[in-house]
Protein backbone atom coordinates (compact mmCIF):
# COMPACT_ATOMS: atom_id res chain seq x y z
CA MET A 1 -3.40 10.35 23.91
CA ARG A 2 0.07 11.50 22.23
CA PHE A 3 1.86 10.21 25.34
CA LEU A 4 -0.05 6.88 25.59
CA VAL A 5 1.35 5.86 22.46
CA TRP A 6 4.11 7.06 22.79
CA LEU A 7 4.80 4.97 26.24
CA LEU A 8 3.10 1.95 23.73
CA ARG A 9 6.37 2.57 21.11
CA ALA A 10 9.08 2.39 23.69
CA PHE A 11 7.30 -0.56 25.79
CA LEU A 12 7.61 -2.79 21.93
CA PHE A 13 10.52 -1.26 21.28
CA PHE A 14 12.27 -2.19 24.77
CA ALA A 15 10.02 -5.50 24.56
CA LEU A 16 11.78 -6.44 21.29
CA PHE A 17 15.73 -5.62 22.72
CA ALA A 18 14.62 -7.73 25.60
CA PHE A 19 13.66 -10.75 23.30
CA ALA A 20 16.77 -9.96 21.06
CA LEU A 21 19.18 -9.69 23.77
CA ASN A 22 17.82 -13.33 25.59
CA ASN A 23 18.20 -15.18 22.14
CA ARG A 24 21.58 -14.29 21.38
CA HIS A 25 23.01 -18.40 21.01
CA ASN A 26 23.45 -19.18 17.24
CA ALA A 27 20.37 -21.65 15.70
CA THR A 28 20.99 -23.69 12.69
CA VAL A 29 18.16 -23.41 9.92
CA HIS A 30 18.31 -26.71 7.88
CA TRP A 31 17.61 -26.31 4.01
CA PHE A 32 17.25 -28.89 1.45
CA PHE A 33 20.03 -31.00 -0.37
CA GLY A 34 22.11 -30.64 3.27
CA GLN A 35 22.65 -27.05 3.20
CA SER A 36 22.02 -25.39 6.72
CA TRP A 37 23.07 -21.61 7.76
CA ASN A 38 24.25 -20.82 11.29
CA ALA A 39 22.86 -17.43 13.16
CA PRO A 40 21.94 -15.94 16.16
CA LEU A 41 18.57 -16.67 16.81
CA VAL A 42 16.93 -13.45 16.73
CA ILE A 43 18.72 -12.96 12.92
CA VAL A 44 16.03 -16.17 11.50
CA VAL A 45 13.56 -14.92 13.78
CA LEU A 46 13.45 -11.36 12.21
CA ALA A 47 14.21 -13.21 8.45
CA ALA A 48 11.24 -15.18 8.75
CA PHE A 49 9.07 -11.99 9.61
CA ALA A 50 10.28 -10.36 7.29
CA GLY A 51 9.38 -13.03 4.10
CA GLY A 52 6.62 -13.79 5.54
CA CYS A 53 6.16 -9.68 4.80
CA ALA A 54 7.29 -9.91 1.39
CA VAL A 55 5.28 -12.85 0.50
CA GLY A 56 2.10 -11.31 1.87
CA VAL A 57 2.90 -8.08 -0.36
CA LEU A 58 3.85 -9.70 -3.22
CA ALA A 59 0.19 -11.68 -2.81
CA MET A 60 -1.65 -8.57 -2.85
CA VAL A 61 -0.13 -7.20 -5.66
CA PRO A 62 -2.75 -8.44 -8.59
CA ALA A 63 -5.49 -7.69 -6.21
CA TRP A 64 -4.24 -3.64 -6.24
CA TRP A 65 -3.50 -3.61 -9.73
CA HIS A 66 -6.92 -4.66 -10.22
CA HIS A 67 -8.46 -2.00 -8.05
CA ARG A 68 -6.79 0.38 -9.53
CA ARG A 69 -7.70 -0.36 -12.56
CA GLN A 70 -11.33 -0.32 -12.08
CA ALA A 71 -11.00 2.93 -10.19
CA THR A 72 -9.29 4.39 -13.60
CA ARG A 73 -11.98 3.23 -15.61
CA ALA A 74 -15.12 4.82 -13.18
CA ALA A 75 -13.12 8.20 -13.12
CA ALA A 76 -12.50 8.17 -17.10
CA PRO A 77 -16.14 9.22 -18.43
CA ASP A 78 -17.54 6.36 -21.32
CA PRO A 79 -17.06 8.49 -24.62
CA ALA A 80 -20.61 7.11 -25.63
CA VAL A 81 -22.33 8.58 -22.40
CA ALA A 82 -20.78 11.81 -23.17
CA ALA A 83 -21.62 11.93 -27.32
CA ALA A 84 -25.13 11.36 -26.29
CA ALA A 85 -25.45 13.52 -23.66
CA GLY A 86 -23.84 16.33 -25.35
CA ALA A 87 -25.99 15.81 -28.71
CA GLY A 88 -29.30 16.94 -27.44
CA VAL A 89 -27.24 20.41 -25.56
CA PRO A 90 -26.15 23.49 -27.74
CA ALA A 91 -22.98 24.30 -26.37
CA ALA A 92 -24.75 28.06 -25.05
CA ALA A 93 -27.10 26.30 -22.94
CA GLU A 94 -24.43 24.11 -21.06
CA ALA A 95 -24.06 26.34 -18.75
CA PRO A 96 -25.06 29.79 -18.17
CA LEU A 97 -22.20 32.69 -18.09
CA ASP A 98 -22.26 35.39 -15.50
CA HIS A 99 -19.43 37.48 -17.12
CA PRO A 100 -18.08 37.57 -20.76
CA PRO A 101 -16.42 35.12 -22.07
CA ARG A 102 -12.41 35.84 -21.39
CA GLU A 103 -11.94 36.04 -25.86
CA ALA A 104 -14.15 39.33 -25.26
CA LEU A 105 -11.86 40.57 -22.64
C-alpha cells in the first residue's frame, strides 16, 4: 500500500513538473486602472491556487471558532448542575475508598 501511495505522489509530482516546463512562456494579468503583471504562466496559476486556498481557509475561520467555543462549553461542567448534584450526596458517600486517604499516611 505504501508503494502505491509513493507511486501516486511521484506521478503527481512529475505531472506538475511537466506542466510547469510546458508553460514557461509569459502571461499578462490585467488588473484595474491599467495595471498589469507579467509572469510565467505557471507562477500565475500557482498564485491563483494559493490565493484561493487562503480565501477558503479565511472563510472557514469563523465556523472553526464557533465549533471550538461549543466544544469548550460542552466540556466544562455547568456550575448549577454540579451544585444541585452535590447538595444531596454527602462527601463520604461519593466514592468508597479501598485504601486510607493520603492524609492518614
